[in-house]
Amino acid sequence: MYVDDGAIYATSRTMNAAATKARDRFHEVLAWLYRNGLDADPAKTEMMTFKKRTANRDLMGDTTLGLRYDDLVHGPSNITATNSLRYLGIYLNRHLT
């Protein structure tokens, strides 16, 4: 079985907190996949953060550089932070242009 273009969304007062929430939900997804005989490809796992143009930079923090996670199949892996990605055939960047 092959699944393409999955997404996990998280919001918070800071980008790092939102990224951590998304990683925690990703752990839940990985556990479900593992229980059902599936796994995620670490090489295709990316994340991107967004913020309002009017957001206070001190409150939001700097751009998240990526997160480590523990995969039951592949072991410790990184979620690569990216400035643009393709989702459902549409290219997105951090500014949504």
N, C-alpha and C. Protein backbone atom coordinates (compact mmCIF):
# COMPACT_ATOMS: atom_id res chain seq x y z
N MET A 1 0.85 -1.18 0.00
CA MET A 1 0.00 0.00 0.00
C MET A 1 0.89 1.24 0.00
N TYR A 2 0.46 2.25 -0.72
CA TYR A 2 1.22 3.49 -0.83
C TYR A 2 0.28 4.66 -0.56
N VAL A 3 0.69 5.53 0.33
CA VAL A 3 -0.08 6.74 0.64
C VAL A 3 0.81 7.93 0.32
N ASP A 4 0.27 8.91 -0.36
CA ASP A 4 1.04 10.09 -0.74
C ASP A 4 0.35 11.34 -0.22
N ASP A 5 1.13 12.36 0.07
CA ASP A 5 0.63 13.68 0.44
C ASP A 5 -0.21 13.68 1.71
N GLY A 6 0.30 13.09 2.76
CA GLY A 6 -0.33 13.22 4.06
C GLY A 6 0.14 14.51 4.71
N ALA A 7 -0.64 15.04 5.63
CA ALA A 7 -0.26 16.29 6.29
C ALA A 7 -0.76 16.29 7.72
N ILE A 8 0.02 16.89 8.59
CA ILE A 8 -0.35 17.10 9.99
C ILE A 8 -0.23 18.60 10.24
N TYR A 9 -1.28 19.20 10.76
CA TYR A 9 -1.28 20.64 11.04
C TYR A 9 -1.28 20.86 12.55
N ALA A 10 -0.56 21.87 12.99
CA ALA A 10 -0.55 22.23 14.41
C ALA A 10 -0.40 23.74 14.51
N THR A 11 -1.02 24.31 15.51
CA THR A 11 -0.88 25.75 15.77
C THR A 11 -0.47 25.96 17.22
N SER A 12 0.21 27.06 17.45
CA SER A 12 0.61 27.42 18.80
C SER A 12 1.08 28.87 18.79
N ARG A 13 1.43 29.38 19.94
CA ARG A 13 1.90 30.76 20.04
C ARG A 13 3.30 30.92 19.46
N THR A 14 4.10 29.85 19.44
CA THR A 14 5.44 29.91 18.86
C THR A 14 5.58 28.83 17.79
N MET A 15 6.48 29.08 16.82
CA MET A 15 6.70 28.09 15.77
C MET A 15 7.29 26.81 16.34
N ASN A 16 8.20 26.94 17.29
CA ASN A 16 8.81 25.74 17.86
C ASN A 16 7.78 24.89 18.60
N ALA A 17 6.87 25.52 19.31
CA ALA A 17 5.83 24.77 20.02
C ALA A 17 4.89 24.08 19.02
N ALA A 18 4.55 24.75 17.94
CA ALA A 18 3.69 24.14 16.91
C ALA A 18 4.41 22.96 16.26
N ALA A 19 5.70 23.13 15.97
CA ALA A 19 6.47 22.04 15.37
C ALA A 19 6.55 20.85 16.32
N THR A 20 6.72 21.10 17.60
CA THR A 20 6.77 20.01 18.58
C THR A 20 5.43 19.29 18.65
N LYS A 21 4.32 20.03 18.61
CA LYS A 21 2.99 19.41 18.60
C LYS A 21 2.83 18.52 17.36
N ALA A 22 3.25 19.03 16.22
CA ALA A 22 3.14 18.25 14.98
C ALA A 22 3.98 16.98 15.07
N ARG A 23 5.19 17.08 15.62
CA ARG A 23 6.05 15.90 15.78
C ARG A 23 5.39 14.88 16.70
N ASP A 24 4.77 15.34 17.78
CA ASP A 24 4.10 14.42 18.70
C ASP A 24 2.95 13.69 18.00
N ARG A 25 2.20 14.40 17.17
CA ARG A 25 1.12 13.74 16.40
C ARG A 25 1.71 12.79 15.36
N PHE A 26 2.87 13.15 14.81
CA PHE A 26 3.54 12.27 13.84
C PHE A 26 3.94 10.96 14.50
N HIS A 27 4.37 11.02 15.76
CA HIS A 27 4.68 9.79 16.50
C HIS A 27 3.44 8.90 16.57
N GLU A 28 2.26 9.51 16.78
CA GLU A 28 1.02 8.73 16.82
C GLU A 28 0.74 8.08 15.46
N VAL A 29 0.97 8.82 14.39
CA VAL A 29 0.78 8.28 13.05
C VAL A 29 1.74 7.13 12.79
N LEU A 30 3.01 7.30 13.17
CA LEU A 30 4.00 6.23 12.98
C LEU A 30 3.60 4.97 13.75
N ALA A 31 3.10 5.14 14.97
CA ALA A 31 2.68 3.98 15.76
C ALA A 31 1.51 3.27 15.08
N TRP A 32 0.55 4.03 14.55
CA TRP A 32 -0.58 3.43 13.84
C TRP A 32 -0.11 2.69 12.60
N LEU A 33 0.78 3.32 11.83
CA LEU A 33 1.33 2.66 10.64
C LEU A 33 2.02 1.36 11.03
N TYR A 34 2.83 1.39 12.07
CA TYR A 34 3.57 0.21 12.51
C TYR A 34 2.61 -0.93 12.91
N ARG A 35 1.56 -0.58 13.67
CA ARG A 35 0.59 -1.60 14.09
C ARG A 35 -0.13 -2.22 12.90
N ASN A 36 -0.18 -1.50 11.78
CA ASN A 36 -0.89 -1.98 10.60
C ASN A 36 0.05 -2.44 9.49
N GLY A 37 1.30 -2.69 9.84
CA GLY A 37 2.26 -3.24 8.89
C GLY A 37 2.74 -2.26 7.83
N LEU A 38 2.68 -0.97 8.12
CA LEU A 38 3.10 0.08 7.18
C LEU A 38 4.19 0.93 7.81
N ASP A 39 4.82 1.76 7.01
CA ASP A 39 5.79 2.70 7.57
C ASP A 39 5.88 3.93 6.68
N ALA A 40 6.50 4.98 7.21
CA ALA A 40 6.70 6.24 6.49
C ALA A 40 8.14 6.29 5.99
N ASP A 41 8.34 6.93 4.86
CA ASP A 41 9.68 7.08 4.29
C ASP A 41 10.34 8.33 4.89
N PRO A 42 11.35 8.16 5.73
CA PRO A 42 12.00 9.32 6.36
C PRO A 42 12.55 10.32 5.34
N ALA A 43 12.99 9.85 4.19
CA ALA A 43 13.56 10.75 3.18
C ALA A 43 12.50 11.69 2.60
N LYS A 44 11.24 11.35 2.74
CA LYS A 44 10.16 12.19 2.19
C LYS A 44 9.38 12.92 3.28
N THR A 45 9.91 12.92 4.49
CA THR A 45 9.24 13.57 5.60
C THR A 45 9.79 14.99 5.74
N GLU A 46 8.92 15.98 5.51
CA GLU A 46 9.31 17.38 5.56
C GLU A 46 8.34 18.16 6.44
N MET A 47 8.79 19.33 6.85
CA MET A 47 7.90 20.23 7.58
C MET A 47 8.17 21.66 7.15
N MET A 48 7.13 22.46 7.27
CA MET A 48 7.26 23.88 6.97
C MET A 48 6.43 24.64 7.99
N THR A 49 6.95 25.77 8.45
CA THR A 49 6.24 26.60 9.41
C THR A 49 5.77 27.87 8.72
N PHE A 50 4.64 28.38 9.18
CA PHE A 50 4.05 29.61 8.67
C PHE A 50 3.80 30.53 9.84
N LYS A 51 3.78 31.83 9.57
CA LYS A 51 3.38 32.78 10.60
C LYS A 51 2.68 33.95 9.91
N LYS A 52 1.85 34.63 10.68
CA LYS A 52 1.18 35.82 10.17
C LYS A 52 2.22 36.89 9.89
N ARG A 53 1.98 37.68 8.88
CA ARG A 53 2.91 38.79 8.58
C ARG A 53 3.01 39.76 9.74
N THR A 54 1.93 39.90 10.48
CA THR A 54 1.91 40.85 11.59
C THR A 54 2.37 40.24 12.91
N ALA A 55 2.79 38.96 12.87
CA ALA A 55 3.19 38.29 14.11
C ALA A 55 4.43 38.92 14.70
N ASN A 56 4.47 39.00 16.00
CA ASN A 56 5.62 39.51 16.73
C ASN A 56 6.75 38.48 16.63
N ARG A 57 7.86 38.84 16.01
CA ARG A 57 8.97 37.90 15.81
C ARG A 57 9.50 37.38 17.14
N ASP A 58 9.55 38.21 18.17
CA ASP A 58 10.04 37.76 19.47
C ASP A 58 9.13 36.68 20.05
N LEU A 59 7.82 36.81 19.81
CA LEU A 59 6.87 35.84 20.33
C LEU A 59 6.94 34.55 19.52
N MET A 60 7.05 34.66 18.20
CA MET A 60 7.02 33.48 17.34
C MET A 60 8.32 32.71 17.36
N GLY A 61 9.45 33.36 17.55
CA GLY A 61 10.73 32.67 17.50
C GLY A 61 11.24 32.62 16.08
N ASP A 62 12.41 32.09 15.90
CA ASP A 62 13.01 31.97 14.58
C ASP A 62 12.45 30.76 13.85
N THR A 63 12.81 30.64 12.60
CA THR A 63 12.38 29.51 11.80
C THR A 63 12.86 28.22 12.44
N THR A 64 12.01 27.24 12.48
CA THR A 64 12.37 25.94 13.03
C THR A 64 13.30 25.24 12.06
N LEU A 65 14.39 24.68 12.55
CA LEU A 65 15.40 24.07 11.68
C LEU A 65 15.12 22.60 11.40
N GLY A 66 14.22 22.00 12.10
CA GLY A 66 13.92 20.58 11.92
C GLY A 66 13.82 19.91 13.27
N LEU A 67 13.30 18.70 13.26
CA LEU A 67 13.09 17.98 14.51
C LEU A 67 13.56 16.53 14.37
N ARG A 68 14.02 15.97 15.45
CA ARG A 68 14.34 14.54 15.48
C ARG A 68 13.12 13.79 15.99
N TYR A 69 12.97 12.56 15.52
CA TYR A 69 11.90 11.71 16.01
C TYR A 69 12.39 10.26 16.00
N ASP A 70 11.72 9.43 16.76
CA ASP A 70 12.08 8.02 16.83
C ASP A 70 11.06 7.22 16.03
N ASP A 71 11.54 6.56 14.99
CA ASP A 71 10.72 5.73 14.12
C ASP A 71 10.92 4.28 14.53
N LEU A 72 9.83 3.55 14.76
CA LEU A 72 9.92 2.15 15.18
C LEU A 72 10.57 1.26 14.14
N VAL A 73 10.53 1.65 12.87
CA VAL A 73 11.10 0.84 11.79
C VAL A 73 12.50 1.32 11.44
N HIS A 74 12.69 2.62 11.26
CA HIS A 74 13.94 3.18 10.76
C HIS A 74 14.86 3.73 11.85
N GLY A 75 14.42 3.75 13.09
CA GLY A 75 15.22 4.28 14.18
C GLY A 75 15.16 5.80 14.21
N PRO A 76 16.10 6.44 14.93
CA PRO A 76 16.10 7.91 15.02
C PRO A 76 16.24 8.54 13.64
N SER A 77 15.40 9.52 13.37
CA SER A 77 15.39 10.19 12.06
C SER A 77 15.15 11.68 12.26
N ASN A 78 15.33 12.45 11.19
CA ASN A 78 15.09 13.89 11.21
C ASN A 78 13.92 14.24 10.31
N ILE A 79 13.13 15.20 10.74
CA ILE A 79 12.14 15.81 9.87
C ILE A 79 12.82 17.05 9.30
N THR A 80 12.98 17.10 8.01
CA THR A 80 13.68 18.19 7.35
C THR A 80 12.78 19.42 7.26
N ALA A 81 13.28 20.56 7.73
CA ALA A 81 12.56 21.82 7.56
C ALA A 81 12.85 22.33 6.16
N THR A 82 11.82 22.81 5.48
CA THR A 82 11.97 23.27 4.11
C THR A 82 11.28 24.61 3.94
N ASN A 83 11.73 25.39 2.95
CA ASN A 83 11.10 26.68 2.67
C ASN A 83 10.01 26.59 1.61
N SER A 84 9.94 25.44 0.92
CA SER A 84 8.86 25.22 -0.04
C SER A 84 8.62 23.72 -0.13
N LEU A 85 7.40 23.35 -0.44
CA LEU A 85 7.06 21.94 -0.59
C LEU A 85 5.89 21.79 -1.54
N ARG A 86 5.72 20.57 -1.99
CA ARG A 86 4.60 20.24 -2.89
C ARG A 86 3.59 19.43 -2.10
N TYR A 87 2.34 19.87 -2.11
CA TYR A 87 1.26 19.19 -1.41
C TYR A 87 0.07 19.12 -2.34
N LEU A 88 -0.39 17.92 -2.63
CA LEU A 88 -1.51 17.69 -3.55
C LEU A 88 -1.28 18.38 -4.89
N GLY A 89 -0.04 18.34 -5.36
CA GLY A 89 0.29 18.90 -6.67
C GLY A 89 0.48 20.40 -6.69
N ILE A 90 0.36 21.05 -5.56
CA ILE A 90 0.50 22.51 -5.47
C ILE A 90 1.78 22.82 -4.71
N TYR A 91 2.58 23.72 -5.24
CA TYR A 91 3.79 24.13 -4.56
C TYR A 91 3.48 25.27 -3.60
N LEU A 92 3.92 25.12 -2.36
CA LEU A 92 3.71 26.14 -1.32
C LEU A 92 5.06 26.63 -0.84
N ASN A 93 5.10 27.91 -0.45
CA ASN A 93 6.28 28.40 0.25
C ASN A 93 5.84 29.02 1.56
N ARG A 94 6.79 29.44 2.35
CA ARG A 94 6.47 29.96 3.69
C ARG A 94 5.61 31.22 3.66
N HIS A 95 5.60 31.91 2.51
CA HIS A 95 4.81 33.14 2.38
C HIS A 95 3.49 32.91 1.67
N LEU A 96 3.21 31.65 1.33
CA LEU A 96 1.98 31.24 0.63
C LEU A 96 1.81 31.99 -0.68
N THR A 97 2.91 32.22 -1.40
CA THR A 97 2.82 32.84 -2.72
C THR A 97 3.08 31.81 -3.80
